[in-house]
Amino acid sequence: MHRRFIPIAATLILGAFLAAQTPAPSGKAKPFEPKPPPEQPLPFSHKVHVGLGAQCLDCHKIEDPGFLAGYPVTGTCMACHAAIKTDSPHIQKLAEFDKQGKDVPWAKVYKVPDYVYFSHEWHHKEAKIACQECHGPVAEREAIFQEKATNMIACMACHDRHKASNECNLCHDAQ
């Protein structure tokens, strides 16, 4: 009986010691801190392109089933850049991607976990949520960085502002 008691007691004492070393949760969420821009394969200024009249959905098409607002195919970029800034090494690199039939391997800036259901289709087209509400003032940016939180607290606060449901199974698979 004593042989079983000693390991159990030691485990309980160690657990109590470790628990005493861990600070108690404050009840507040850690404030969101913007992340720096990820390194991209090509420099791209949303500010310049929007200034020339480009709109979000011109380049970031929402295709079925609507989860993503994708990246433009290189042919979209080359529609203008076949004649504009052709001497730029960056545009030459873009042209090479296009010639090879490859997409530019852009680094994602905003991500939601795989266990979260998020539809750009529904939020943008049905709920009429402007891209800037989740992505910030992209039209003013030379380089894009994550300047808005995409965590559950931020999403639920947005749902509250728009009087949308915060039921768990709306965004999470209930299985």
Protein backbone atom coordinates (compact mmCIF):
# COMPACT_ATOMS: atom_id res chain seq x y z
CA MET A 1 0.00 0.00 0.00
CA HIS A 2 2.85 2.42 0.84
CA ARG A 3 4.52 1.71 -2.53
CA ARG A 4 1.50 3.11 -4.40
CA PHE A 5 1.01 6.03 -2.03
CA ILE A 6 4.49 7.55 -2.45
CA PRO A 7 4.32 8.08 -6.29
CA ILE A 8 0.77 9.43 -6.00
CA ALA A 9 1.74 11.83 -3.21
CA ALA A 10 4.85 12.94 -5.13
CA THR A 11 2.75 13.61 -8.24
CA LEU A 12 0.23 15.65 -6.24
CA ILE A 13 2.98 17.68 -4.56
CA LEU A 14 4.73 18.33 -7.89
CA GLY A 15 1.42 19.34 -9.48
CA ALA A 16 0.65 21.75 -6.64
CA PHE A 17 4.14 23.25 -6.92
CA LEU A 18 3.81 23.76 -10.70
CA ALA A 19 0.32 25.24 -10.32
CA ALA A 20 1.68 27.74 -7.79
CA GLN A 21 4.33 28.81 -10.31
CA THR A 22 1.78 29.46 -13.10
CA PRO A 23 0.12 32.89 -12.99
CA ALA A 24 -3.64 32.83 -12.77
CA PRO A 25 -5.49 34.00 -15.87
CA SER A 26 -6.42 37.65 -15.59
CA GLY A 27 -9.79 37.21 -17.27
CA LYS A 28 -8.77 39.61 -20.03
CA ALA A 29 -7.72 38.69 -23.53
CA LYS A 30 -4.21 39.64 -24.53
CA PRO A 31 -4.45 42.77 -26.68
CA PHE A 32 -3.88 42.19 -30.37
CA GLU A 33 -0.53 43.33 -31.66
CA PRO A 34 -0.18 43.85 -35.42
CA LYS A 35 2.26 41.50 -37.08
CA PRO A 36 4.97 42.82 -39.41
CA PRO A 37 4.51 42.26 -43.15
CA PRO A 38 5.63 38.79 -44.23
CA GLU A 39 8.36 38.59 -46.83
CA GLN A 40 6.73 38.43 -50.24
CA PRO A 41 8.19 37.09 -53.50
CA LEU A 42 7.46 40.44 -55.19
CA PRO A 43 6.85 43.90 -53.79
CA PHE A 44 3.27 45.01 -54.26
CA SER A 45 1.65 48.31 -53.32
CA HIS A 46 -2.09 48.16 -52.79
CA LYS A 47 -1.93 51.94 -52.38
CA VAL A 48 -0.59 52.43 -55.91
CA HIS A 49 -2.95 49.93 -57.53
CA VAL A 50 -6.06 51.20 -55.73
CA GLY A 51 -4.98 54.72 -56.66
CA LEU A 52 -5.12 53.61 -60.28
CA GLY A 53 -8.69 52.37 -59.84
CA ALA A 54 -8.29 48.71 -58.82
CA GLN A 55 -10.96 47.33 -56.48
CA CYS A 56 -10.50 44.42 -54.06
CA LEU A 57 -12.60 41.96 -56.09
CA ASP A 58 -10.78 42.84 -59.33
CA CYS A 59 -7.84 40.81 -58.06
CA HIS A 60 -9.20 38.84 -55.10
CA LYS A 61 -12.00 36.83 -56.70
CA ILE A 62 -14.36 34.94 -54.41
CA GLU A 63 -15.02 31.60 -56.06
CA ASP A 64 -17.23 28.71 -54.99
CA PRO A 65 -17.56 27.56 -52.32
CA GLY A 66 -16.63 31.07 -51.18
CA PHE A 67 -14.23 30.39 -48.32
CA LEU A 68 -11.37 32.32 -49.86
CA ALA A 69 -10.84 35.59 -51.58
CA GLY A 70 -8.07 34.28 -53.80
CA TYR A 71 -4.99 35.84 -55.27
CA PRO A 72 -4.90 37.07 -58.86
CA VAL A 73 -3.55 34.81 -61.56
CA THR A 74 -0.41 36.25 -63.13
CA GLY A 75 -2.30 36.91 -66.36
CA THR A 76 -4.44 39.45 -64.51
CA CYS A 77 -1.32 41.36 -63.48
CA MET A 78 0.25 40.99 -66.93
CA ALA A 79 -2.83 42.52 -68.58
CA CYS A 80 -1.29 45.86 -67.56
CA HIS A 81 2.33 44.92 -66.93
CA ALA A 82 2.92 43.58 -70.44
CA ALA A 83 3.31 47.28 -71.27
CA ILE A 84 3.84 49.02 -67.90
CA LYS A 85 7.18 49.01 -66.03
CA THR A 86 8.50 46.19 -68.23
CA ASP A 87 12.10 47.19 -67.41
CA SER A 88 11.53 46.55 -63.67
CA PRO A 89 13.27 43.38 -62.40
CA HIS A 90 10.16 42.67 -60.29
CA ILE A 91 7.86 42.89 -63.31
CA GLN A 92 10.29 40.70 -65.24
CA LYS A 93 10.06 38.13 -62.43
CA LEU A 94 6.25 38.42 -62.60
CA ALA A 95 6.39 37.91 -66.38
CA GLU A 96 8.51 34.79 -65.85
CA PHE A 97 5.89 33.36 -63.45
CA ASP A 98 3.26 34.08 -66.11
CA LYS A 99 5.33 32.56 -68.92
CA GLN A 100 5.74 29.37 -66.88
CA GLY A 101 2.01 29.30 -66.07
CA LYS A 102 2.74 29.63 -62.35
CA ASP A 103 1.00 31.73 -59.74
CA VAL A 104 3.05 34.10 -57.63
CA PRO A 105 3.63 32.27 -54.31
CA TRP A 106 2.31 35.08 -52.11
CA ALA A 107 2.70 34.64 -48.35
CA LYS A 108 -0.68 34.70 -46.60
CA VAL A 109 -1.20 37.58 -44.22
CA TYR A 110 -4.58 36.70 -42.69
CA LYS A 111 -5.37 33.14 -41.65
CA VAL A 112 -8.13 31.45 -39.74
CA PRO A 113 -7.64 28.00 -38.19
CA ASP A 114 -8.78 24.97 -40.16
CA TYR A 115 -11.48 24.23 -37.58
CA VAL A 116 -13.18 27.57 -38.29
CA TYR A 117 -15.74 27.94 -41.06
CA PHE A 118 -15.43 31.38 -42.60
CA SER A 119 -17.08 32.38 -45.85
CA HIS A 120 -15.87 35.47 -47.70
CA GLU A 121 -18.85 34.90 -50.00
CA TRP A 122 -21.37 35.25 -47.21
CA HIS A 123 -19.67 38.03 -45.27
CA HIS A 124 -18.96 40.22 -48.30
CA LYS A 125 -21.81 39.51 -50.70
CA GLU A 126 -24.66 38.67 -48.32
CA ALA A 127 -23.87 40.60 -45.13
CA LYS A 128 -22.31 43.49 -47.09
CA ILE A 129 -19.25 43.61 -44.82
CA ALA A 130 -16.55 45.78 -46.42
CA CYS A 131 -13.14 44.16 -46.86
CA GLN A 132 -11.60 46.92 -44.71
CA GLU A 133 -13.59 45.86 -41.68
CA CYS A 134 -11.55 42.67 -41.32
CA HIS A 135 -8.40 43.57 -43.27
CA GLY A 136 -7.92 47.21 -42.29
CA PRO A 137 -7.28 50.13 -44.65
CA VAL A 138 -5.42 48.05 -47.23
CA ALA A 139 -5.90 50.76 -49.88
CA GLU A 140 -3.55 52.98 -47.87
CA ARG A 141 -0.79 50.38 -47.52
CA GLU A 142 2.44 49.90 -49.44
CA ALA A 143 2.93 46.53 -47.75
CA ILE A 144 0.19 44.44 -46.16
CA PHE A 145 0.49 43.22 -42.61
CA GLN A 146 -2.00 41.69 -40.21
CA GLU A 147 -3.34 44.76 -38.48
CA LYS A 148 -6.66 43.32 -37.34
CA ALA A 149 -7.27 40.34 -35.08
CA THR A 150 -8.93 37.27 -36.56
CA ASN A 151 -9.43 35.46 -33.27
CA MET A 152 -12.69 34.32 -31.76
CA ILE A 153 -13.07 37.38 -29.53
CA ALA A 154 -12.73 39.75 -32.51
CA CYS A 155 -15.16 37.72 -34.62
CA MET A 156 -17.74 37.51 -31.84
CA ALA A 157 -17.46 41.26 -31.18
CA CYS A 158 -18.07 41.89 -34.88
CA HIS A 159 -21.07 39.56 -34.81
CA ASP A 160 -22.39 41.53 -31.83
CA ARG A 161 -21.93 44.86 -33.68
CA HIS A 162 -23.81 43.49 -36.69
CA LYS A 163 -26.42 41.70 -34.56
CA ALA A 164 -25.40 38.33 -35.99
CA SER A 165 -25.58 35.03 -34.14
CA ASN A 166 -22.70 33.86 -31.97
CA GLU A 167 -23.92 30.26 -31.85
CA CYS A 168 -20.92 27.90 -31.82
CA ASN A 169 -22.02 25.82 -34.81
CA LEU A 170 -22.23 28.91 -37.02
CA CYS A 171 -18.43 28.97 -37.30
CA HIS A 172 -17.42 25.58 -35.90
CA ASP A 173 -18.36 22.07 -36.97
CA ALA A 174 -20.68 20.78 -34.25
CA GLN A 175 -19.81 17.11 -34.77
